Amino acid sequence: MFSLIGTIIVGFIVGLLARALKPGDDKLGIIMTSILGIAGSLLAGWAGQKMGWYAPGDPAGWIASIVGAVVLLLVYGMVKSK
């Protein structure tokens, strides 16, 4: 239970940092910001495993998670503009 709450809190912080680093007006609420951060962390962990940086089951670092969330924001912006 506490692991899930911790994941949501960390995801929210990562999502906020990613939104602060990427310029533009992304109208996302608290829930979508949290989902963005969690998905960015999962993306960073997956990419890190494929590149050999992380072993399976290792969590991604803060910087990698933020970079993953920024990438997702860029993709979201491209999809939303079409």
C-alpha atoms as a PDB file:
ATOM      1  CA  MET A   1       0.000   0.000   0.000  1.00  0.00           C
ATOM      2  CA  PHE A   2       2.760   2.437   0.953  1.00  0.00           C
ATOM      3  CA  SER A   3       4.721   1.507  -2.151  1.00  0.00           C
ATOM      4  CA  LEU A   4       1.796   2.555  -4.343  1.00  0.00           C
ATOM      5  CA  ILE A   5       1.408   5.846  -2.496  1.00  0.00           C
ATOM      6  CA  GLY A   6       5.151   6.474  -2.764  1.00  0.00           C
ATOM      7  CA  THR A   7       5.060   5.741  -6.492  1.00  0.00           C
ATOM      8  CA  ILE A   8       2.222   8.217  -6.976  1.00  0.00           C
ATOM      9  CA  ILE A   9       4.015  10.923  -4.974  1.00  0.00           C
ATOM     10  CA  VAL A  10       7.298  10.427  -6.840  1.00  0.00           C
ATOM     11  CA  GLY A  11       5.410  10.353 -10.149  1.00  0.00           C
ATOM     12  CA  PHE A  12       3.715  13.638  -9.279  1.00  0.00           C
ATOM     13  CA  ILE A  13       7.052  15.293  -8.441  1.00  0.00           C
ATOM     14  CA  VAL A  14       8.656  13.967 -11.635  1.00  0.00           C
ATOM     15  CA  GLY A  15       5.650  15.143 -13.663  1.00  0.00           C
ATOM     16  CA  LEU A  16       5.828  18.620 -12.132  1.00  0.00           C
ATOM     17  CA  LEU A  17       9.549  18.897 -12.839  1.00  0.00           C
ATOM     18  CA  ALA A  18       9.064  17.715 -16.426  1.00  0.00           C
ATOM     19  CA  ARG A  19       6.294  20.254 -16.989  1.00  0.00           C
ATOM     20  CA  ALA A  20       8.500  22.986 -15.522  1.00  0.00           C
ATOM     21  CA  LEU A  21      11.426  22.087 -17.793  1.00  0.00           C
ATOM     22  CA  LYS A  22       9.434  21.826 -21.031  1.00  0.00           C
ATOM     23  CA  PRO A  23       8.294  25.190 -22.313  1.00  0.00           C
ATOM     24  CA  GLY A  24       4.713  25.620 -23.399  1.00  0.00           C
ATOM     25  CA  ASP A  25       1.230  25.498 -21.968  1.00  0.00           C
ATOM     26  CA  ASP A  26       0.359  21.917 -21.085  1.00  0.00           C
ATOM     27  CA  LYS A  27      -3.061  21.894 -19.486  1.00  0.00           C
ATOM     28  CA  LEU A  28      -2.798  18.782 -17.347  1.00  0.00           C
ATOM     29  CA  GLY A  29      -4.431  18.283 -13.996  1.00  0.00           C
ATOM     30  CA  ILE A  30      -2.940  16.720 -10.900  1.00  0.00           C
ATOM     31  CA  ILE A  31      -3.909  13.181 -11.899  1.00  0.00           C
ATOM     32  CA  MET A  32      -2.524  13.485 -15.439  1.00  0.00           C
ATOM     33  CA  THR A  33       0.671  15.058 -14.086  1.00  0.00           C
ATOM     34  CA  SER A  34       1.114  12.074 -11.771  1.00  0.00           C
ATOM     35  CA  ILE A  35       0.420   9.621 -14.592  1.00  0.00           C
ATOM     36  CA  LEU A  36       2.907  11.509 -16.770  1.00  0.00           C
ATOM     37  CA  GLY A  37       5.621  11.184 -14.124  1.00  0.00           C
ATOM     38  CA  ILE A  38       4.939   7.498 -13.501  1.00  0.00           C
ATOM     39  CA  ALA A  39       4.876   6.750 -17.238  1.00  0.00           C
ATOM     40  CA  GLY A  40       8.084   8.752 -17.737  1.00  0.00           C
ATOM     41  CA  SER A  41       9.782   6.715 -15.050  1.00  0.00           C
ATOM     42  CA  LEU A  42       8.590   3.470 -16.617  1.00  0.00           C
ATOM     43  CA  LEU A  43       9.782   4.644 -20.043  1.00  0.00           C
ATOM     44  CA  ALA A  44      13.186   5.577 -18.626  1.00  0.00           C
ATOM     45  CA  GLY A  45      13.493   2.216 -16.854  1.00  0.00           C
ATOM     46  CA  TRP A  46      12.558   0.315 -20.009  1.00  0.00           C
ATOM     47  CA  ALA A  47      14.951   2.316 -22.206  1.00  0.00           C
ATOM     48  CA  GLY A  48      17.705   1.977 -19.602  1.00  0.00           C
ATOM     49  CA  GLN A  49      17.268  -1.807 -19.530  1.00  0.00           C
ATOM     50  CA  LYS A  50      17.432  -1.982 -23.340  1.00  0.00           C
ATOM     51  CA  MET A  51      20.659   0.065 -23.304  1.00  0.00           C
ATOM     52  CA  GLY A  52      22.148  -2.028 -20.504  1.00  0.00           C
ATOM     53  CA  TRP A  53      22.157   0.753 -17.892  1.00  0.00           C
ATOM     54  CA  TYR A  54      19.678  -0.932 -15.546  1.00  0.00           C
ATOM     55  CA  ALA A  55      19.153  -4.547 -14.602  1.00  0.00           C
ATOM     56  CA  PRO A  56      15.609  -5.912 -14.776  1.00  0.00           C
ATOM     57  CA  GLY A  57      13.730  -4.744 -11.700  1.00  0.00           C
ATOM     58  CA  ASP A  58      15.998  -1.741 -11.029  1.00  0.00           C
ATOM     59  CA  PRO A  59      14.133   1.553 -10.755  1.00  0.00           C
ATOM     60  CA  ALA A  60      15.130   4.425 -13.012  1.00  0.00           C
ATOM     61  CA  GLY A  61      16.910   7.390 -11.476  1.00  0.00           C
ATOM     62  CA  TRP A  62      15.368  10.811 -10.954  1.00  0.00           C
ATOM     63  CA  ILE A  63      17.068  12.437 -13.935  1.00  0.00           C
ATOM     64  CA  ALA A  64      16.201   9.580 -16.280  1.00  0.00           C
ATOM     65  CA  SER A  65      12.604   9.673 -15.061  1.00  0.00           C
ATOM     66  CA  ILE A  66      12.343  13.393 -15.720  1.00  0.00           C
ATOM     67  CA  VAL A  67      13.858  12.961 -19.193  1.00  0.00           C
ATOM     68  CA  GLY A  68      11.353  10.169 -19.908  1.00  0.00           C
ATOM     69  CA  ALA A  69       8.482  12.395 -18.778  1.00  0.00           C
ATOM     70  CA  VAL A  70       9.721  15.289 -20.958  1.00  0.00           C
ATOM     71  CA  VAL A  71       9.852  12.924 -23.950  1.00  0.00           C
ATOM     72  CA  LEU A  72       6.271  11.889 -23.243  1.00  0.00           C
ATOM     73  CA  LEU A  73       5.241  15.552 -22.995  1.00  0.00           C
ATOM     74  CA  LEU A  74       6.813  16.230 -26.389  1.00  0.00           C
ATOM     75  CA  VAL A  75       4.955  13.272 -27.904  1.00  0.00           C
ATOM     76  CA  TYR A  76       1.735  14.442 -26.246  1.00  0.00           C
ATOM     77  CA  GLY A  77       2.217  17.922 -27.690  1.00  0.00           C
ATOM     78  CA  MET A  78       2.763  16.543 -31.191  1.00  0.00           C
ATOM     79  CA  VAL A  79      -0.308  14.305 -31.008  1.00  0.00           C
ATOM     80  CA  LYS A  80      -2.456  17.059 -29.523  1.00  0.00           C
ATOM     81  CA  SER A  81      -1.500  19.548 -32.239  1.00  0.00           C
ATOM     82  CA  LYS A  82      -2.730  17.268 -35.050  1.00  0.00           C
END
